Amino acid sequence: MPKQKRKLTAAERRAKKERRKKYERVFINGKQVYIKRPPTIDGLSVEEYIARNADPIWLHQNGMWEYIEPEPNLFPDENDVNAAFDAAWQQDKTEEG
């Protein structure tokens, strides 16, 4: 008769839980190996967390210029101004005549 499996002690269960948090199983070359999990903040990868929550000044100070999004242009460009002026001029012209 085979030997019965014994239950894990509380300390062994805690250690197993910590290992599972720290490492993950993946297959490399057909073999199952343990690798360290990538670091996360609130369940997000570090890069995604920074992209969502950092302000442009912090990104610039830390050299992360690829995450900086350009600010919207407050002044319209010349073509938009000319088009609006032409439309208003045409409207005034039709109202007069």
Protein backbone atom coordinates (compact mmCIF):
# COMPACT_ATOMS: atom_id res chain seq x y z
CA MET A 1 0.00 0.00 0.00
CA PRO A 2 1.43 3.41 -0.98
CA LYS A 3 2.32 6.00 1.59
CA GLN A 4 -0.41 8.60 2.20
CA LYS A 5 0.26 12.23 1.36
CA ARG A 6 0.65 14.40 4.41
CA LYS A 7 -0.93 17.82 4.83
CA LEU A 8 1.27 20.90 4.68
CA THR A 9 1.96 22.76 7.89
CA ALA A 10 0.92 26.39 8.25
CA ALA A 11 4.50 27.56 7.70
CA GLU A 12 4.82 25.44 4.55
CA ARG A 13 1.53 26.83 3.20
CA ARG A 14 2.72 30.41 3.83
CA ALA A 15 6.03 29.69 2.08
CA LYS A 16 4.21 28.15 -0.88
CA LYS A 17 1.91 31.18 -1.15
CA GLU A 18 4.91 33.55 -1.08
CA ARG A 19 6.68 31.54 -3.79
CA ARG A 20 3.60 31.73 -6.00
CA LYS A 21 3.46 35.51 -5.55
CA LYS A 22 7.16 35.90 -6.33
CA TYR A 23 7.59 33.44 -9.21
CA GLU A 24 5.57 32.24 -12.18
CA ARG A 25 5.75 29.07 -14.24
CA VAL A 26 6.52 29.30 -17.97
CA PHE A 27 7.61 26.86 -20.63
CA ILE A 28 11.04 27.43 -22.17
CA ASN A 29 12.25 24.96 -24.79
CA GLY A 30 9.50 22.54 -23.79
CA LYS A 31 10.46 22.56 -20.12
CA GLN A 32 8.56 24.12 -17.28
CA VAL A 33 10.69 26.65 -15.40
CA TYR A 34 10.08 29.23 -12.69
CA ILE A 35 10.95 32.85 -13.40
CA LYS A 36 10.49 35.95 -11.28
CA ARG A 37 7.27 37.81 -11.95
CA PRO A 38 7.66 41.28 -13.45
CA PRO A 39 7.12 44.07 -10.91
CA THR A 40 3.64 45.60 -10.76
CA ILE A 41 2.00 48.55 -9.06
CA ASP A 42 -1.71 48.15 -8.27
CA GLY A 43 -1.86 45.30 -10.78
CA LEU A 44 -0.40 47.39 -13.63
CA SER A 45 3.04 47.06 -15.14
CA VAL A 46 5.44 49.78 -14.03
CA GLU A 47 5.54 51.38 -17.51
CA GLU A 48 1.75 51.51 -17.79
CA TYR A 49 1.39 52.94 -14.27
CA ILE A 50 3.92 55.68 -15.04
CA ALA A 51 2.27 56.50 -18.38
CA ARG A 52 -1.13 56.89 -16.69
CA ASN A 53 -0.14 58.77 -13.54
CA ALA A 54 3.03 60.81 -14.13
CA ASP A 55 2.93 64.48 -15.04
CA PRO A 56 5.05 65.89 -17.90
CA ILE A 57 7.54 67.57 -15.56
CA TRP A 58 8.33 64.31 -13.74
CA LEU A 59 8.65 62.47 -17.07
CA HIS A 60 11.06 65.12 -18.36
CA GLN A 61 13.16 65.06 -15.18
CA ASN A 62 13.52 61.28 -15.46
CA GLY A 63 14.26 61.22 -19.19
CA MET A 64 11.04 59.49 -20.23
CA TRP A 65 10.27 61.76 -23.16
CA GLU A 66 8.55 59.03 -25.17
CA TYR A 67 5.66 59.08 -22.65
CA ILE A 68 5.10 62.84 -22.91
CA GLU A 69 2.07 63.64 -25.03
CA PRO A 70 2.04 66.97 -26.85
CA GLU A 71 -0.25 69.58 -25.38
CA PRO A 72 -3.20 70.70 -27.47
CA ASN A 73 -2.52 73.81 -29.53
CA LEU A 74 -4.22 76.82 -27.92
CA PHE A 75 -3.92 78.95 -31.04
CA PRO A 76 -5.45 77.88 -34.34
CA ASP A 77 -3.12 77.61 -37.30
CA GLU A 78 -3.25 80.11 -40.15
CA ASN A 79 -5.31 77.91 -42.50
CA ASP A 80 -8.13 77.55 -39.97
CA VAL A 81 -8.22 81.30 -39.35
CA ASN A 82 -8.30 82.05 -43.08
CA ALA A 83 -11.09 79.53 -43.69
CA ALA A 84 -13.20 81.01 -40.87
CA PHE A 85 -12.58 84.55 -42.15
CA ASP A 86 -13.55 83.56 -45.71
CA ALA A 87 -16.75 81.87 -44.50
CA ALA A 88 -17.74 84.93 -42.46
CA TRP A 89 -16.95 87.23 -45.37
CA GLN A 90 -19.07 85.14 -47.75
CA GLN A 91 -21.96 85.18 -45.26
CA ASP A 92 -21.78 88.98 -44.90
CA LYS A 93 -21.67 89.35 -48.68
CA THR A 94 -24.84 87.23 -49.15
CA GLU A 95 -26.71 89.17 -46.42
CA GLU A 96 -25.98 92.50 -48.09
CA GLY A 97 -27.08 91.62 -51.58
